[in-house]
Amino acid sequence: MISRWIATIVVTAALVPGVGRGEVAGKWVAELTSPTLLEPEYIRVVLARTGDAVSGSWGTEIVQGMVKGSTVSLALTDTAGRDAGTLAGKIEGDTGGGGGTMAGVGRRGGRGGAGSGARAPVLQEVAWKLTRELTPPAKPREINYDPTTFQAYYYAGNKPGIHIFPGDIVHTWAPDSAGTDKNLKRVALGGNPNIGPIYVEGALPGDTLVVHLIKIEPNRKTARQGSRIQQFGVTPAYNLAAKYDAGFNGEYQLDNATGIAVLTAPTPALKNFKVTMKPMLGCISVAPPGFEALTGPHLGVFGGNLDYNGAVSGTTMFFPVFHPGALFGFGDGHAAMADGEVTQTGLEVSMAVDFSVEVIKGYQTQGVREEDSDYIISFGVAGSLQEALKVSTAQLATWIKHDYGLSDSEVALLLGAVMKIEVTELVDPEFDVVSKAPKSSLAMLIKTPSNGN
C-alpha cells in the first residue's frame, strides 16, 4: 500500500481584466504521478491571481508564480521556507496539466513540514493534472437510487453507479447475499453482491468517509438462514459427529410491524421459536487500498463482509478513504444474526436502505469505526481472533487518545475498566472483532484533543 497525504488550503481569488476568474483562480484537485509512485497522489489546491501573479497553496506548500495566457509557472516552498519544487504547464477552463519537480513525493502528511533543522527533502520528477472542484448543490438533495449494477468484489476499478455529494440523502435498496431482490428475482450473481459503488464527490485519499445509516429495513416478507454450524465455529470433533438434515427448512416469515421473525415450517421443537429482528448490513465498504481486488466474502481495513450485527438503523460508520470518491457500497442484508455468524448466514434478505454521507478532510481513520447511541466501536480484522482483537483494541485506544487527549496510561486505565469486546465474524476468510467504549464513561473525561492520528 502506498502512503498518501492530503492537506486543505483556502485562499481568495481576484478577477483579472481580460482573463476569466475561472481560468486559474479557484479550488482544484491535483493528481500527481512520478516514477517513484506506484499510484497517484491527490492534493487539494487553491490558487489566487492578481494581474499576472499567481499565489496560494499546493497541499502543504506555498505557491508563488506567473501566468501568461493559459501557461503557468509555479515555484513551491515548504513551511520552513525551503525550495519544494517548480511546476510548469497549462490551465484551460476546468482542467490543467504539466510537469516539474517536487520534494517529498510519497510522504504521508505532507512534504517538508519538519523544522528548520530537518534535512531538505529531495526533489523528484513529477507530472501533474488539475481538475476544478465541483460545486455542491445549494442544499442537500433527496436521491432515489435504483441500482442496476452490482459488484461481488471490492476493487477501485469498479465503475461507479452514481455520484453523490456529502449531505445528500439517498433512498435505495440492496439484494441479499444470493443476489435476489424484493421479488425473489435474481438480479446479480451470489457471493455478497454490493450496490454501486457510489462515488462521493470531494472524498480523496487520506480523508475519512462518514456514513449515517438512517434506515435499514427488509423489503420482502421472507428470509432464509443456514442450518449447519460452519467448521470454524465448532471443534473438529463436533463437526465430524454432527448429522445435519439436508432437507431442513430455514425460511422465516418477517413482520416489520412487530419486528418478529418466525419459521415458515417449524419442527415440533421449534414451533414456539421467535426471533427479534435487528435488520443490519453484513457488507459495507469503501474500495480497498492500492490495486487490491477481493471477493465478496472478504473483509479488511476497508470494511467489506464485516457482519457486525450492530450495523443497524441510526448508527454512524467511519471508513478510511483510499481512492478518489471513496467508492462506497453495501449489501448482504440480514433481518437478524447472532454474534460470529456461526452458520455463515444470518436471516438473509434484501433491504431498503436510506443513508447520507459526510467527508472529514485531511484525517484518515486507521480502520473502520462506528458510533451508536451508547458506544464508540472499533473494528479489527486479521487472520486470527487474537490479532483481530489486538487491531480493534489498538485502534480504539488511538481513537480515544486523539479525540480526548489522554496519555497512554490514562487510556489503558479507562479501557481496562470499561471496554467491551464482541466477536462479529468467525467463519469468513478473515476474523472480525469489535472493541467498544461506553459513551457514558467517555462523558466523564475532560477533553483535550491531540493532533495525532
Protein backbone atom coordinates (compact mmCIF):
# COMPACT_ATOMS: atom_id res chain seq x y z
CA MET A 1 0.00 0.00 0.00
CA ILE A 2 1.35 3.39 -0.92
CA SER A 3 1.08 6.08 1.75
CA ARG A 4 -0.66 9.22 0.65
CA TRP A 5 -1.31 12.62 2.12
CA ILE A 6 -3.84 15.39 1.97
CA ALA A 7 -3.89 18.97 3.23
CA THR A 8 -6.66 21.52 2.92
CA ILE A 9 -5.89 25.12 1.98
CA VAL A 10 -8.08 28.16 1.35
CA VAL A 11 -7.10 31.44 -0.32
CA THR A 12 -9.02 34.12 -2.16
CA ALA A 13 -9.15 34.94 -5.87
CA ALA A 14 -9.16 38.28 -7.67
CA LEU A 15 -10.75 39.00 -11.05
CA VAL A 16 -8.22 39.95 -13.70
CA PRO A 17 -9.15 42.12 -16.67
CA GLY A 18 -9.12 40.10 -19.86
CA VAL A 19 -8.91 36.76 -18.06
CA GLY A 20 -11.94 34.98 -16.60
CA ARG A 21 -11.83 34.18 -12.92
CA GLY A 22 -12.50 30.53 -13.72
CA GLU A 23 -9.32 30.04 -15.80
CA VAL A 24 -6.73 29.88 -12.99
CA ALA A 25 -8.18 31.06 -9.69
CA GLY A 26 -10.23 28.72 -7.57
CA LYS A 27 -10.24 25.36 -5.84
CA TRP A 28 -8.69 22.38 -7.59
CA VAL A 29 -7.75 18.76 -7.06
CA ALA A 30 -4.27 17.84 -8.27
CA GLU A 31 -3.33 14.35 -9.40
CA LEU A 32 0.38 13.78 -9.05
CA THR A 33 2.32 10.96 -10.72
CA SER A 34 6.00 10.13 -10.58
CA PRO A 35 8.37 7.26 -11.48
CA THR A 36 8.70 6.70 -7.72
CA LEU A 37 4.95 6.23 -7.17
CA LEU A 38 3.00 3.05 -7.91
CA GLU A 39 -0.25 5.03 -7.88
CA PRO A 40 -1.15 8.74 -7.97
CA GLU A 41 -1.24 11.11 -5.05
CA TYR A 42 -4.14 13.55 -4.78
CA ILE A 43 -3.76 17.03 -3.30
CA ARG A 44 -6.22 19.83 -2.62
CA VAL A 45 -5.06 23.06 -4.27
CA VAL A 46 -6.48 26.58 -4.23
CA LEU A 47 -5.00 29.34 -6.39
CA ALA A 48 -5.46 33.12 -6.50
CA ARG A 49 -4.49 35.52 -9.28
CA THR A 50 -3.64 39.21 -9.28
CA GLY A 51 -2.52 40.54 -12.64
CA ASP A 52 -0.04 38.00 -13.98
CA ALA A 53 0.91 36.83 -10.47
CA VAL A 54 -0.39 33.57 -9.02
CA SER A 55 -0.34 32.71 -5.33
CA GLY A 56 -1.87 30.20 -2.98
CA SER A 57 -1.09 26.72 -1.75
CA TRP A 58 -0.49 23.27 -3.17
CA GLY A 59 -1.11 20.81 -0.38
CA THR A 60 1.12 22.00 2.44
CA GLU A 61 3.38 24.01 0.12
CA ILE A 62 3.24 27.74 -0.53
CA VAL A 63 2.77 28.70 -4.19
CA GLN A 64 4.11 31.76 -5.99
CA GLY A 65 4.13 32.01 -9.76
CA MET A 66 3.19 33.67 -13.02
CA VAL A 67 0.57 33.15 -15.72
CA LYS A 68 0.64 34.22 -19.36
CA GLY A 69 -2.45 33.24 -21.29
CA SER A 70 -3.03 29.61 -20.34
CA THR A 71 0.63 28.93 -19.46
CA VAL A 72 1.56 28.83 -15.77
CA SER A 73 4.86 28.53 -13.94
CA LEU A 74 4.80 27.88 -10.19
CA ALA A 75 7.50 27.87 -7.51
CA LEU A 76 6.80 25.92 -4.31
CA THR A 77 8.30 26.42 -0.87
CA ASP A 78 7.70 24.37 2.29
CA THR A 79 6.68 25.70 5.68
CA ALA A 80 10.35 26.13 6.61
CA GLY A 81 10.89 28.36 3.56
CA ARG A 82 12.95 25.79 1.61
CA ASP A 83 12.68 25.03 -2.08
CA ALA A 84 9.93 22.42 -2.57
CA GLY A 85 9.91 22.31 -6.36
CA THR A 86 8.83 24.03 -9.56
CA LEU A 87 5.90 23.24 -11.83
CA ALA A 88 5.04 24.39 -15.34
CA GLY A 89 2.16 23.69 -17.69
CA LYS A 90 -1.19 24.96 -18.86
CA ILE A 91 -4.56 25.58 -17.21
CA GLU A 92 -7.54 25.99 -19.51
CA GLY A 93 -11.14 26.03 -18.33
CA ASP A 94 -11.66 23.37 -15.69
CA THR A 95 -8.52 21.31 -16.29
CA GLY A 96 -4.79 21.72 -16.42
CA GLY A 97 -1.58 19.75 -16.55
CA GLY A 98 2.15 19.79 -16.88
CA GLY A 99 5.36 18.63 -15.23
CA GLY A 100 8.19 19.68 -12.98
CA THR A 101 9.84 18.66 -9.72
CA MET A 102 8.52 18.34 -6.18
CA ALA A 103 10.04 17.43 -2.85
CA GLY A 104 8.99 14.60 -0.57
CA VAL A 105 6.83 12.74 -3.07
CA GLY A 106 5.01 9.88 -1.37
CA ARG A 107 5.49 11.16 2.16
CA ARG A 108 2.33 10.83 4.20
CA GLY A 109 1.23 14.01 5.96
CA GLY A 110 2.76 16.45 3.51
CA ARG A 111 6.22 17.45 2.36
CA GLY A 112 8.92 19.30 4.19
CA GLY A 113 6.86 20.04 7.27
CA ALA A 114 9.71 19.44 9.70
CA GLY A 115 11.53 22.21 11.49
CA SER A 116 14.40 24.19 10.06
CA GLY A 117 16.95 21.66 11.35
CA ALA A 118 15.49 18.83 9.27
CA ARG A 119 17.22 17.61 6.12
CA ALA A 120 15.75 19.18 2.97
CA PRO A 121 13.62 16.69 1.01
CA VAL A 122 14.98 15.51 -2.35
CA LEU A 123 13.36 16.95 -5.47
CA GLN A 124 11.79 14.35 -7.76
CA GLU A 125 10.41 14.49 -11.28
CA VAL A 126 6.59 14.64 -11.39
CA ALA A 127 3.70 15.06 -13.78
CA TRP A 128 0.54 16.84 -12.63
CA LYS A 129 -3.07 17.26 -13.65
CA LEU A 130 -5.57 19.71 -12.20
CA THR A 131 -9.34 19.28 -12.13
CA ARG A 132 -11.56 22.01 -10.77
CA GLU A 133 -13.54 21.00 -7.68
CA LEU A 134 -17.24 20.51 -8.34
CA THR A 135 -19.53 22.93 -6.57
CA PRO A 136 -22.01 21.10 -4.33
CA PRO A 137 -25.72 21.89 -4.62
CA ALA A 138 -27.01 24.82 -2.58
CA LYS A 139 -28.77 22.40 -0.25
CA PRO A 140 -28.63 18.61 0.18
CA ARG A 141 -30.69 16.58 -2.27
CA GLU A 142 -33.07 13.66 -1.79
CA ILE A 143 -31.99 10.96 -4.25
CA ASN A 144 -33.90 7.83 -5.19
CA TYR A 145 -31.28 5.40 -6.43
CA ASP A 146 -32.48 2.18 -8.06
CA PRO A 147 -29.23 0.26 -8.63
CA THR A 148 -28.82 -1.74 -11.81
CA THR A 149 -25.20 -2.85 -11.37
CA PHE A 150 -23.86 -4.94 -8.51
CA GLN A 151 -20.31 -5.91 -7.61
CA ALA A 152 -19.41 -9.15 -5.80
CA TYR A 153 -15.82 -7.99 -5.31
CA TYR A 154 -14.15 -4.97 -3.77
CA TYR A 155 -11.94 -3.10 -6.23
CA ALA A 156 -11.15 0.52 -7.04
CA GLY A 157 -11.59 -0.21 -10.75
CA ASN A 158 -15.34 -0.83 -10.42
CA LYS A 159 -17.28 1.82 -12.33
CA PRO A 160 -19.47 4.00 -10.05
CA GLY A 161 -23.21 3.52 -10.33
CA ILE A 162 -23.98 7.02 -9.05
CA HIS A 163 -22.23 10.21 -7.88
CA ILE A 164 -23.43 11.98 -4.72
CA PHE A 165 -22.36 14.95 -2.61
CA PRO A 166 -21.89 14.99 1.16
CA GLY A 167 -25.23 15.77 2.80
CA ASP A 168 -27.37 14.14 0.11
CA ILE A 169 -29.93 11.68 1.48
CA VAL A 170 -30.08 8.54 -0.64
CA HIS A 171 -33.05 6.16 -0.71
CA THR A 172 -32.04 2.83 -2.22
CA TRP A 173 -32.04 -0.93 -1.74
CA ALA A 174 -29.63 -3.86 -1.87
CA PRO A 175 -30.08 -7.52 -2.84
CA ASP A 176 -29.46 -10.36 -0.43
CA SER A 177 -26.23 -12.35 -0.34
CA ALA A 178 -27.50 -14.64 -3.10
CA GLY A 179 -28.27 -11.70 -5.42
CA THR A 180 -32.09 -11.73 -5.19
CA ASP A 181 -34.31 -8.67 -4.81
CA LYS A 182 -37.59 -7.94 -3.02
CA ASN A 183 -39.49 -10.11 -5.51
CA LEU A 184 -37.01 -13.01 -5.11
CA LYS A 185 -35.78 -12.27 -8.64
CA ARG A 186 -32.11 -12.94 -9.28
CA VAL A 187 -30.55 -9.58 -10.19
CA ALA A 188 -26.89 -10.41 -9.53
CA LEU A 189 -24.57 -13.32 -9.02
CA GLY A 190 -24.29 -14.64 -5.47
CA GLY A 191 -21.29 -14.17 -3.21
CA ASN A 192 -22.41 -10.97 -1.47
CA PRO A 193 -23.13 -8.57 -4.36
CA ASN A 194 -22.93 -4.94 -3.27
CA ILE A 195 -24.64 -1.96 -4.85
CA GLY A 196 -22.66 0.75 -6.61
CA PRO A 197 -20.02 1.62 -5.96
CA ILE A 198 -21.18 5.09 -5.02
CA TYR A 199 -18.79 7.93 -5.81
CA VAL A 200 -18.74 10.63 -3.10
CA GLU A 201 -17.72 13.97 -4.58
CA GLY A 202 -14.94 15.63 -2.62
CA ALA A 203 -13.63 12.47 -0.94
CA LEU A 204 -9.89 11.95 -1.50
CA PRO A 205 -7.27 9.51 -0.25
CA GLY A 206 -6.31 10.44 3.30
CA ASP A 207 -9.86 11.51 4.22
CA THR A 208 -12.49 9.70 6.29
CA LEU A 209 -15.91 8.83 4.88
CA VAL A 210 -18.70 9.19 7.43
CA VAL A 211 -21.82 7.16 6.67
CA HIS A 212 -25.08 7.78 8.52
CA LEU A 213 -27.31 4.70 8.31
CA ILE A 214 -30.73 6.33 8.55
CA LYS A 215 -32.93 3.30 7.82
CA ILE A 216 -32.29 -0.39 7.17
CA GLU A 217 -35.45 -2.44 6.71
CA PRO A 218 -36.32 -5.73 4.94
CA ASN A 219 -38.24 -5.06 1.73
CA ARG A 220 -39.80 -8.51 1.44
CA LYS A 221 -41.64 -10.91 3.75
CA THR A 222 -39.26 -13.88 3.78
CA ALA A 223 -35.68 -14.57 4.79
CA ARG A 224 -33.57 -17.70 4.79
CA GLN A 225 -30.94 -18.93 7.23
CA GLY A 226 -28.43 -21.80 7.02
CA SER A 227 -28.89 -24.75 9.38
CA ARG A 228 -25.33 -26.01 9.71
CA ILE A 229 -22.64 -24.65 12.04
CA GLN A 230 -19.67 -23.74 9.90
CA GLN A 231 -16.48 -25.70 10.62
CA PHE A 232 -14.59 -22.74 12.09
CA GLY A 233 -17.38 -22.20 14.62
CA VAL A 234 -17.01 -25.56 16.42
CA THR A 235 -14.40 -28.21 17.18
CA PRO A 236 -13.43 -30.73 14.52
CA ALA A 237 -14.91 -33.49 16.68
CA TYR A 238 -18.32 -31.79 16.79
CA ASN A 239 -18.21 -31.07 13.09
CA LEU A 240 -17.45 -34.70 12.20
CA ALA A 241 -20.11 -36.09 14.51
CA ALA A 242 -22.92 -33.70 13.51
CA LYS A 243 -25.74 -35.25 11.45
CA TYR A 244 -27.49 -32.36 9.72
CA ASP A 245 -30.82 -32.71 7.95
CA ALA A 246 -30.27 -31.97 4.26
CA GLY A 247 -33.94 -31.04 3.86
CA PHE A 248 -34.20 -28.75 6.88
CA ASN A 249 -36.25 -25.62 6.12
CA GLY A 250 -34.55 -22.43 7.32
CA GLU A 251 -37.08 -19.99 5.83
CA TYR A 252 -38.60 -17.28 8.05
CA GLN A 253 -41.65 -15.07 7.75
CA LEU A 254 -40.81 -11.45 8.58
CA ASP A 255 -43.11 -8.89 10.14
CA ASN A 256 -41.65 -5.39 10.06
CA ALA A 257 -44.56 -4.00 12.08
CA THR A 258 -43.89 -6.23 15.11
CA GLY A 259 -40.20 -6.79 14.46
CA ILE A 260 -40.62 -10.55 14.83
CA ALA A 261 -39.50 -13.40 12.56
CA VAL A 262 -40.97 -16.91 12.77
CA LEU A 263 -40.12 -20.07 10.87
CA THR A 264 -42.28 -20.81 7.85
CA ALA A 265 -42.36 -24.56 8.57
CA PRO A 266 -41.09 -25.13 12.12
CA THR A 267 -40.30 -28.53 13.52
CA PRO A 268 -42.34 -29.50 16.62
CA ALA A 269 -39.47 -28.48 18.87
CA LEU A 270 -39.26 -25.02 17.25
CA LYS A 271 -42.95 -24.23 16.84
CA ASN A 272 -42.79 -21.54 19.55
CA PHE A 273 -39.41 -20.18 18.44
CA LYS A 274 -39.34 -16.50 17.50
CA VAL A 275 -36.52 -14.15 16.57
CA THR A 276 -36.48 -10.46 17.39
CA MET A 277 -35.46 -8.73 14.20
CA LYS A 278 -32.48 -6.38 14.13
CA PRO A 279 -32.00 -5.52 10.44
CA MET A 280 -28.35 -4.98 9.55
CA LEU A 281 -25.95 -4.78 6.62
CA GLY A 282 -23.47 -7.66 6.51
CA CYS A 283 -21.31 -5.97 3.85
CA ILE A 284 -20.41 -2.28 3.85
CA SER A 285 -17.21 -0.83 2.48
CA VAL A 286 -15.12 1.61 0.54
CA ALA A 287 -12.71 0.45 -2.17
CA PRO A 288 -9.65 -1.28 -0.67
CA PRO A 289 -6.20 0.33 -0.90
CA GLY A 290 -3.95 0.10 -3.91
CA PHE A 291 -4.75 -2.44 -6.58
CA GLU A 292 -6.33 -4.99 -4.26
CA ALA A 293 -9.32 -6.89 -5.65
CA LEU A 294 -11.12 -9.06 -3.09
CA THR A 295 -14.23 -11.20 -3.47
CA GLY A 296 -17.44 -10.50 -1.55
CA PRO A 297 -16.77 -12.76 1.47
CA HIS A 298 -13.54 -10.89 2.36
CA LEU A 299 -13.11 -8.08 4.88
CA GLY A 300 -10.33 -5.76 5.91
CA VAL A 301 -9.29 -2.21 6.75
CA PHE A 302 -11.70 -1.02 4.02
CA GLY A 303 -14.72 -2.81 5.54
CA GLY A 304 -16.31 -5.46 3.35
CA ASN A 305 -18.04 -8.52 4.81
CA LEU A 306 -17.78 -7.28 8.41
CA ASP A 307 -21.01 -9.00 9.50
CA TYR A 308 -21.41 -6.79 12.55
CA ASN A 309 -24.92 -7.09 13.91
CA GLY A 310 -24.63 -3.56 15.21
CA ALA A 311 -24.53 -2.01 11.71
CA VAL A 312 -28.19 -1.03 12.04
CA SER A 313 -30.51 1.94 11.59
CA GLY A 314 -29.40 5.03 13.50
CA THR A 315 -25.69 4.22 13.60
CA THR A 316 -22.79 6.10 12.02
CA MET A 317 -19.81 4.37 10.44
CA PHE A 318 -16.38 5.74 9.54
CA PHE A 319 -14.17 4.43 6.73
CA PRO A 320 -10.62 5.39 5.67
CA VAL A 321 -10.63 6.68 2.09
CA PHE A 322 -8.03 5.14 -0.25
CA HIS A 323 -9.26 6.33 -3.67
CA PRO A 324 -10.98 9.44 -5.09
CA GLY A 325 -14.71 9.29 -4.41
CA ALA A 326 -14.24 6.60 -1.72
CA LEU A 327 -16.28 4.14 -3.88
CA PHE A 328 -18.78 3.19 -1.20
CA GLY A 329 -21.12 0.21 -1.37
CA PHE A 330 -23.10 -2.28 0.68
CA GLY A 331 -25.22 -5.43 0.55
CA ASP A 332 -25.76 -8.78 2.32
CA GLY A 333 -28.73 -7.73 4.44
CA HIS A 334 -29.71 -9.77 7.49
CA ALA A 335 -33.03 -9.42 9.33
CA ALA A 336 -31.14 -10.74 12.37
CA MET A 337 -27.84 -12.50 13.04
CA ALA A 338 -26.09 -13.99 16.06
CA ASP A 339 -22.58 -12.92 17.06
CA GLY A 340 -19.92 -14.57 14.92
CA GLU A 341 -22.26 -15.66 12.09
CA VAL A 342 -21.65 -19.29 13.10
CA THR A 343 -23.91 -20.73 10.36
CA GLN A 344 -22.20 -18.45 7.78
CA THR A 345 -25.57 -16.74 7.33
CA GLY A 346 -27.96 -14.51 9.16
CA LEU A 347 -31.62 -14.27 8.22
CA GLU A 348 -30.67 -13.40 4.64
CA VAL A 349 -32.95 -10.84 2.99
CA SER A 350 -32.89 -7.89 0.59
CA MET A 351 -33.05 -4.46 2.24
CA ALA A 352 -34.41 -0.97 1.75
CA VAL A 353 -31.73 1.46 2.89
CA ASP A 354 -31.64 5.22 3.48
CA PHE A 355 -28.29 6.86 4.19
CA SER A 356 -26.29 10.06 3.95
CA VAL A 357 -22.56 10.78 3.99
CA GLU A 358 -20.04 13.35 5.16
CA VAL A 359 -16.31 13.69 4.47
CA ILE A 360 -13.71 14.52 7.13
CA LYS A 361 -10.98 16.10 5.03
CA GLY A 362 -7.32 15.55 5.85
CA TYR A 363 -7.87 12.95 8.57
CA GLN A 364 -7.89 9.21 7.90
CA THR A 365 -9.05 6.63 10.43
CA GLN A 366 -6.79 3.61 10.86
CA GLY A 367 -9.67 1.26 10.02
CA VAL A 368 -13.45 1.02 10.22
CA ARG A 369 -15.16 2.63 13.19
CA GLU A 370 -18.74 3.07 14.30
CA GLU A 371 -20.79 5.04 16.78
CA ASP A 372 -24.22 4.23 18.16
CA SER A 373 -26.17 5.89 20.94
CA ASP A 374 -24.22 4.10 23.65
CA TYR A 375 -20.72 3.22 22.38
CA ILE A 376 -17.82 4.16 20.17
CA ILE A 377 -16.81 0.99 18.34
CA SER A 378 -13.53 -0.05 16.71
CA PHE A 379 -13.24 -2.89 14.17
CA GLY A 380 -10.25 -5.18 13.98
CA VAL A 381 -9.81 -7.57 11.04
CA ALA A 382 -7.00 -10.13 10.87
CA GLY A 383 -6.15 -13.75 10.16
CA SER A 384 -6.70 -14.85 13.76
CA LEU A 385 -9.03 -13.82 16.55
CA GLN A 386 -6.12 -12.76 18.74
CA GLU A 387 -4.68 -10.48 16.07
CA ALA A 388 -8.12 -9.08 15.26
CA LEU A 389 -8.58 -8.24 18.95
CA LYS A 390 -5.20 -6.51 19.04
CA VAL A 391 -6.08 -4.42 15.97
CA SER A 392 -9.51 -3.38 17.30
CA THR A 393 -8.17 -2.50 20.75
CA ALA A 394 -5.20 -0.56 19.37
CA GLN A 395 -7.46 1.49 17.12
CA LEU A 396 -9.89 2.18 19.97
CA ALA A 397 -7.05 3.35 22.21
CA THR A 398 -5.64 5.56 19.44
CA TRP A 399 -9.11 7.00 18.72
CA ILE A 400 -9.64 7.98 22.35
CA LYS A 401 -6.14 9.43 22.66
CA HIS A 402 -6.71 11.54 19.54
CA ASP A 403 -10.18 12.79 20.46
CA TYR A 404 -9.73 13.21 24.22
CA GLY A 405 -6.00 13.85 24.60
CA LEU A 406 -5.43 11.02 27.09
CA SER A 407 -1.97 9.69 27.87
CA ASP A 408 -1.15 6.04 27.27
CA SER A 409 -1.52 5.32 30.99
CA GLU A 410 -4.87 7.10 31.14
CA VAL A 411 -6.32 5.29 28.15
CA ALA A 412 -5.03 1.95 29.50
CA LEU A 413 -6.82 2.53 32.77
CA LEU A 414 -10.02 3.53 31.00
CA LEU A 415 -10.12 0.52 28.66
CA GLY A 416 -9.06 -1.87 31.42
CA ALA A 417 -12.13 -0.80 33.39
CA VAL A 418 -14.92 -0.38 30.82
CA MET A 419 -14.02 -1.81 27.39
CA LYS A 420 -16.32 -4.44 25.89
CA ILE A 421 -15.41 -6.93 23.15
CA GLU A 422 -17.60 -8.74 20.61
CA VAL A 423 -16.66 -11.38 18.05
CA THR A 424 -18.53 -10.41 14.90
CA GLU A 425 -17.12 -12.81 12.31
CA LEU A 426 -15.77 -16.33 12.87
CA VAL A 427 -16.34 -18.15 9.60
CA ASP A 428 -15.15 -15.98 6.71
CA PRO A 429 -11.63 -15.72 5.23
CA GLU A 430 -10.70 -13.19 7.94
CA PHE A 431 -11.81 -12.78 11.55
CA ASP A 432 -13.51 -9.63 12.88
CA VAL A 433 -13.61 -8.35 16.45
CA VAL A 434 -15.03 -5.07 17.73
CA SER A 435 -13.81 -3.27 20.83
CA LYS A 436 -16.24 -0.80 22.40
CA ALA A 437 -16.04 2.02 24.91
CA PRO A 438 -19.22 3.29 26.57
CA LYS A 439 -20.09 6.91 25.86
CA SER A 440 -21.26 7.22 29.47
CA SER A 441 -17.64 6.68 30.57
CA LEU A 442 -16.21 8.99 27.92
CA ALA A 443 -18.59 11.73 29.09
CA MET A 444 -16.69 11.81 32.40
CA LEU A 445 -13.42 12.77 30.72
CA ILE A 446 -12.02 16.28 30.44
CA LYS A 447 -11.45 16.57 26.72
CA THR A 448 -8.15 17.98 25.42
CA PRO A 449 -7.89 16.71 21.81
CA SER A 450 -4.44 15.93 20.42
CA ASN A 451 -3.09 16.47 16.92
CA GLY A 452 -2.13 12.82 16.44
CA ASN A 453 -3.76 10.10 14.38
